[in-house]
Amino acid sequence: MENVNYIYEKEIRNTLRALVLRGFKNDLSFSILFSLTHDCHLLSEVFGSTSEIADAKN
């Protein structure tokens, strides 16, 4: 994503990673965002390694 405010984008990525990798409690809006990220095949944008992507899909 090309974004002038990269800090906002980084915060979204960090929150999505925390949801998946650390069991972070989420609200409905982040569940929807994660579903859209998955459906649009953007998991590699959020999760760097192949093992993290596999965890995210699970």
PDB file of N, CA and C in Angstrom:
ATOM      1  N   MET A   1       0.842  -1.184   0.000  1.00  0.00           N
ATOM      2  CA  MET A   1       0.000   0.000   0.000  1.00  0.00           C
ATOM      3  C   MET A   1       0.883   1.241   0.000  1.00  0.00           C
ATOM      4  N   GLU A   2       0.600   2.113  -0.908  1.00  0.00           N
ATOM      5  CA  GLU A   2       1.302   3.374  -0.888  1.00  0.00           C
ATOM      6  C   GLU A   2       0.482   4.318  -0.039  1.00  0.00           C
ATOM      7  N   ASN A   3       1.093   4.781   1.028  1.00  0.00           N
ATOM      8  CA  ASN A   3       0.363   5.564   2.007  1.00  0.00           C
ATOM      9  C   ASN A   3       1.283   6.662   2.526  1.00  0.00           C
ATOM     10  N   VAL A   4       0.781   7.873   2.550  1.00  0.00           N
ATOM     11  CA  VAL A   4       1.567   8.986   3.060  1.00  0.00           C
ATOM     12  C   VAL A   4       1.818   8.809   4.551  1.00  0.00           C
ATOM     13  N   ASN A   5       0.837   8.303   5.263  1.00  0.00           N
ATOM     14  CA  ASN A   5       0.949   8.109   6.705  1.00  0.00           C
ATOM     15  C   ASN A   5       1.266   6.641   7.001  1.00  0.00           C
ATOM     16  N   TYR A   6       2.540   6.284   6.867  1.00  0.00           N
ATOM     17  CA  TYR A   6       2.954   4.895   7.044  1.00  0.00           C
ATOM     18  C   TYR A   6       2.754   4.410   8.477  1.00  0.00           C
ATOM     19  N   ILE A   7       2.771   5.302   9.437  1.00  0.00           N
ATOM     20  CA  ILE A   7       2.595   4.913  10.844  1.00  0.00           C
ATOM     21  C   ILE A   7       1.221   4.276  11.045  1.00  0.00           C
ATOM     22  N   TYR A   8       0.204   4.823  10.421  1.00  0.00           N
ATOM     23  CA  TYR A   8      -1.146   4.266  10.526  1.00  0.00           C
ATOM     24  C   TYR A   8      -1.187   2.863   9.928  1.00  0.00           C
ATOM     25  N   GLU A   9      -0.576   2.688   8.771  1.00  0.00           N
ATOM     26  CA  GLU A   9      -0.530   1.374   8.122  1.00  0.00           C
ATOM     27  C   GLU A   9       0.223   0.372   8.997  1.00  0.00           C
ATOM     28  N   LYS A  10       1.327   0.800   9.587  1.00  0.00           N
ATOM     29  CA  LYS A  10       2.117  -0.086  10.445  1.00  0.00           C
ATOM     30  C   LYS A  10       1.311  -0.512  11.672  1.00  0.00           C
ATOM     31  N   GLU A  11       0.533   0.391  12.217  1.00  0.00           N
ATOM     32  CA  GLU A  11      -0.306   0.061  13.379  1.00  0.00           C
ATOM     33  C   GLU A  11      -1.333  -1.008  13.024  1.00  0.00           C
ATOM     34  N   ILE A  12      -1.922  -0.905  11.851  1.00  0.00           N
ATOM     35  CA  ILE A  12      -2.888  -1.910  11.394  1.00  0.00           C
ATOM     36  C   ILE A  12      -2.202  -3.262  11.242  1.00  0.00           C
ATOM     37  N   ARG A  13      -1.033  -3.271  10.612  1.00  0.00           N
ATOM     38  CA  ARG A  13      -0.287  -4.530  10.454  1.00  0.00           C
ATOM     39  C   ARG A  13       0.047  -5.147  11.807  1.00  0.00           C
ATOM     40  N   ASN A  14       0.529  -4.330  12.727  1.00  0.00           N
ATOM     41  CA  ASN A  14       0.899  -4.838  14.053  1.00  0.00           C
ATOM     42  C   ASN A  14      -0.308  -5.397  14.791  1.00  0.00           C
ATOM     43  N   THR A  15      -1.441  -4.742  14.675  1.00  0.00           N
ATOM     44  CA  THR A  15      -2.652  -5.229  15.342  1.00  0.00           C
ATOM     45  C   THR A  15      -3.105  -6.554  14.741  1.00  0.00           C
ATOM     46  N   LEU A  16      -3.085  -6.659  13.409  1.00  0.00           N
ATOM     47  CA  LEU A  16      -3.471  -7.918  12.766  1.00  0.00           C
ATOM     48  C   LEU A  16      -2.514  -9.045  13.147  1.00  0.00           C
ATOM     49  N   ARG A  17      -1.231  -8.740  13.219  1.00  0.00           N
ATOM     50  CA  ARG A  17      -0.252  -9.750  13.644  1.00  0.00           C
ATOM     51  C   ARG A  17      -0.511 -10.179  15.083  1.00  0.00           C
ATOM     52  N   ALA A  18      -0.842  -9.238  15.957  1.00  0.00           N
ATOM     53  CA  ALA A  18      -1.116  -9.558  17.358  1.00  0.00           C
ATOM     54  C   ALA A  18      -2.359 -10.428  17.484  1.00  0.00           C
ATOM     55  N   LEU A  19      -3.349 -10.181  16.643  1.00  0.00           N
ATOM     56  CA  LEU A  19      -4.565 -11.003  16.660  1.00  0.00           C
ATOM     57  C   LEU A  19      -4.238 -12.461  16.385  1.00  0.00           C
ATOM     58  N   VAL A  20      -3.390 -12.695  15.418  1.00  0.00           N
ATOM     59  CA  VAL A  20      -3.105 -14.054  14.973  1.00  0.00           C
ATOM     60  C   VAL A  20      -2.030 -14.727  15.815  1.00  0.00           C
ATOM     61  N   LEU A  21      -0.933 -14.033  16.030  1.00  0.00           N
ATOM     62  CA  LEU A  21       0.236 -14.678  16.613  1.00  0.00           C
ATOM     63  C   LEU A  21       0.258 -14.665  18.128  1.00  0.00           C
ATOM     64  N   ARG A  22      -0.454 -13.738  18.756  1.00  0.00           N
ATOM     65  CA  ARG A  22      -0.403 -13.653  20.215  1.00  0.00           C
ATOM     66  C   ARG A  22      -1.765 -13.795  20.882  1.00  0.00           C
ATOM     67  N   GLY A  23      -2.796 -14.082  20.106  1.00  0.00           N
ATOM     68  CA  GLY A  23      -4.121 -14.267  20.688  1.00  0.00           C
ATOM     69  C   GLY A  23      -4.709 -12.995  21.264  1.00  0.00           C
ATOM     70  N   PHE A  24      -4.322 -11.862  20.726  1.00  0.00           N
ATOM     71  CA  PHE A  24      -4.802 -10.555  21.167  1.00  0.00           C
ATOM     72  C   PHE A  24      -6.317 -10.483  21.049  1.00  0.00           C
ATOM     73  N   LYS A  25      -6.974  -9.937  22.054  1.00  0.00           N
ATOM     74  CA  LYS A  25      -8.434  -9.774  22.006  1.00  0.00           C
ATOM     75  C   LYS A  25      -8.769  -8.722  20.955  1.00  0.00           C
ATOM     76  N   ASN A  26      -9.761  -9.013  20.145  1.00  0.00           N
ATOM     77  CA  ASN A  26     -10.100  -8.094  19.069  1.00  0.00           C
ATOM     78  C   ASN A  26     -11.558  -7.666  19.134  1.00  0.00           C
ATOM     79  N   ASP A  27     -11.836  -6.622  18.388  1.00  0.00           N
ATOM     80  CA  ASP A  27     -13.222  -6.213  18.253  1.00  0.00           C
ATOM     81  C   ASP A  27     -13.697  -6.594  16.849  1.00  0.00           C
ATOM     82  N   LEU A  28     -14.942  -6.382  16.590  1.00  0.00           N
ATOM     83  CA  LEU A  28     -15.547  -6.801  15.335  1.00  0.00           C
ATOM     84  C   LEU A  28     -14.876  -6.148  14.128  1.00  0.00           C
ATOM     85  N   SER A  29     -14.487  -4.893  14.251  1.00  0.00           N
ATOM     86  CA  SER A  29     -13.907  -4.194  13.100  1.00  0.00           C
ATOM     87  C   SER A  29     -12.601  -4.849  12.635  1.00  0.00           C
ATOM     88  N   PHE A  30     -11.774  -5.317  13.564  1.00  0.00           N
ATOM     89  CA  PHE A  30     -10.538  -5.971  13.152  1.00  0.00           C
ATOM     90  C   PHE A  30     -10.795  -7.379  12.628  1.00  0.00           C
ATOM     91  N   SER A  31     -11.841  -8.024  13.086  1.00  0.00           N
ATOM     92  CA  SER A  31     -12.202  -9.322  12.514  1.00  0.00           C
ATOM     93  C   SER A  31     -12.609  -9.150  11.054  1.00  0.00           C
ATOM     94  N   ILE A  32     -13.364  -8.121  10.782  1.00  0.00           N
ATOM     95  CA  ILE A  32     -13.777  -7.829   9.404  1.00  0.00           C
ATOM     96  C   ILE A  32     -12.567  -7.463   8.557  1.00  0.00           C
ATOM     97  N   LEU A  33     -11.692  -6.629   9.095  1.00  0.00           N
ATOM     98  CA  LEU A  33     -10.492  -6.232   8.374  1.00  0.00           C
ATOM     99  C   LEU A  33      -9.613  -7.446   8.054  1.00  0.00           C
ATOM    100  N   PHE A  34      -9.468  -8.339   9.023  1.00  0.00           N
ATOM    101  CA  PHE A  34      -8.658  -9.526   8.780  1.00  0.00           C
ATOM    102  C   PHE A  34      -9.298 -10.406   7.709  1.00  0.00           C
ATOM    103  N   SER A  35     -10.601 -10.553   7.742  1.00  0.00           N
ATOM    104  CA  SER A  35     -11.297 -11.344   6.726  1.00  0.00           C
ATOM    105  C   SER A  35     -11.094 -10.753   5.334  1.00  0.00           C
ATOM    106  N   LEU A  36     -11.177  -9.438   5.227  1.00  0.00           N
ATOM    107  CA  LEU A  36     -10.941  -8.778   3.937  1.00  0.00           C
ATOM    108  C   LEU A  36      -9.497  -8.958   3.477  1.00  0.00           C
ATOM    109  N   THR A  37      -8.563  -8.862   4.426  1.00  0.00           N
ATOM    110  CA  THR A  37      -7.151  -9.056   4.100  1.00  0.00           C
ATOM    111  C   THR A  37      -6.927 -10.457   3.546  1.00  0.00           C
ATOM    112  N   HIS A  38      -7.542 -11.433   4.171  1.00  0.00           N
ATOM    113  CA  HIS A  38      -7.420 -12.823   3.709  1.00  0.00           C
ATOM    114  C   HIS A  38      -8.075 -13.003   2.347  1.00  0.00           C
ATOM    115  N   ASP A  39      -9.297 -12.525   2.193  1.00  0.00           N
ATOM    116  CA  ASP A  39     -10.036 -12.707   0.943  1.00  0.00           C
ATOM    117  C   ASP A  39      -9.383 -12.002  -0.239  1.00  0.00           C
ATOM    118  N   CYS A  40      -8.682 -10.921   0.019  1.00  0.00           N
ATOM    119  CA  CYS A  40      -7.999 -10.168  -1.048  1.00  0.00           C
ATOM    120  C   CYS A  40      -6.565 -10.648  -1.268  1.00  0.00           C
ATOM    121  N   HIS A  41      -6.203 -11.751  -0.610  1.00  0.00           N
ATOM    122  CA  HIS A  41      -4.872 -12.357  -0.756  1.00  0.00           C
ATOM    123  C   HIS A  41      -3.757 -11.371  -0.396  1.00  0.00           C
ATOM    124  N   LEU A  42      -3.938 -10.674   0.715  1.00  0.00           N
ATOM    125  CA  LEU A  42      -2.954  -9.697   1.173  1.00  0.00           C
ATOM    126  C   LEU A  42      -2.219 -10.142   2.434  1.00  0.00           C
ATOM    127  N   LEU A  43      -2.349 -11.411   2.799  1.00  0.00           N
ATOM    128  CA  LEU A  43      -1.690 -11.877   4.018  1.00  0.00           C
ATOM    129  C   LEU A  43      -0.178 -11.704   3.951  1.00  0.00           C
ATOM    130  N   SER A  44       0.403 -11.843   2.770  1.00  0.00           N
ATOM    131  CA  SER A  44       1.854 -11.683   2.650  1.00  0.00           C
ATOM    132  C   SER A  44       2.285 -10.243   2.900  1.00  0.00           C
ATOM    133  N   GLU A  45       1.365  -9.291   2.756  1.00  0.00           N
ATOM    134  CA  GLU A  45       1.665  -7.887   3.062  1.00  0.00           C
ATOM    135  C   GLU A  45       1.766  -7.669   4.566  1.00  0.00           C
ATOM    136  N   VAL A  46       1.048  -8.468   5.337  1.00  0.00           N
ATOM    137  CA  VAL A  46       1.007  -8.300   6.788  1.00  0.00           C
ATOM    138  C   VAL A  46       1.992  -9.232   7.480  1.00  0.00           C
ATOM    139  N   PHE A  47       2.047 -10.481   7.016  1.00  0.00           N
ATOM    140  CA  PHE A  47       2.868 -11.495   7.654  1.00  0.00           C
ATOM    141  C   PHE A  47       4.060 -11.805   6.757  1.00  0.00           C
ATOM    142  N   GLY A  48       5.246 -11.600   7.281  1.00  0.00           N
ATOM    143  CA  GLY A  48       6.455 -11.732   6.471  1.00  0.00           C
ATOM    144  C   GLY A  48       6.837 -13.148   6.109  1.00  0.00           C
ATOM    145  N   SER A  49       6.898 -14.029   7.080  1.00  0.00           N
ATOM    146  CA  SER A  49       7.408 -15.376   6.806  1.00  0.00           C
ATOM    147  C   SER A  49       6.285 -16.333   6.405  1.00  0.00           C
ATOM    148  N   THR A  50       6.691 -17.392   5.751  1.00  0.00           N
ATOM    149  CA  THR A  50       5.734 -18.408   5.304  1.00  0.00           C
ATOM    150  C   THR A  50       5.029 -19.067   6.481  1.00  0.00           C
ATOM    151  N   SER A  51       5.752 -19.297   7.579  1.00  0.00           N
ATOM    152  CA  SER A  51       5.129 -19.941   8.736  1.00  0.00           C
ATOM    153  C   SER A  51       4.093 -19.023   9.381  1.00  0.00           C
ATOM    154  N   GLU A  52       4.343 -17.717   9.396  1.00  0.00           N
ATOM    155  CA  GLU A  52       3.355 -16.785   9.935  1.00  0.00           C
ATOM    156  C   GLU A  52       2.118 -16.746   9.047  1.00  0.00           C
ATOM    157  N   ILE A  53       2.303 -16.814   7.746  1.00  0.00           N
ATOM    158  CA  ILE A  53       1.153 -16.832   6.834  1.00  0.00           C
ATOM    159  C   ILE A  53       0.326 -18.088   7.060  1.00  0.00           C
ATOM    160  N   ALA A  54       0.978 -19.230   7.266  1.00  0.00           N
ATOM    161  CA  ALA A  54       0.258 -20.479   7.547  1.00  0.00           C
ATOM    162  C   ALA A  54      -0.525 -20.358   8.846  1.00  0.00           C
ATOM    163  N   ASP A  55       0.084 -19.759   9.886  1.00  0.00           N
ATOM    164  CA  ASP A  55      -0.628 -19.553  11.141  1.00  0.00           C
ATOM    165  C   ASP A  55      -1.827 -18.641  10.943  1.00  0.00           C
ATOM    166  N   ALA A  56      -1.652 -17.608  10.150  1.00  0.00           N
ATOM    167  CA  ALA A  56      -2.743 -16.659   9.896  1.00  0.00           C
ATOM    168  C   ALA A  56      -3.914 -17.341   9.190  1.00  0.00           C
ATOM    169  N   LYS A  57      -3.605 -18.196   8.234  1.00  0.00           N
ATOM    170  CA  LYS A  57      -4.671 -18.898   7.513  1.00  0.00           C
ATOM    171  C   LYS A  57      -5.423 -19.842   8.431  1.00  0.00           C
ATOM    172  N   ASN A  58      -4.699 -20.458   9.355  1.00  0.00           N
ATOM    173  CA  ASN A  58      -5.348 -21.371  10.318  1.00  0.00           C
ATOM    174  C   ASN A  58      -6.182 -20.583  11.285  1.00  0.00           C
TER     175      ASN A  58
END
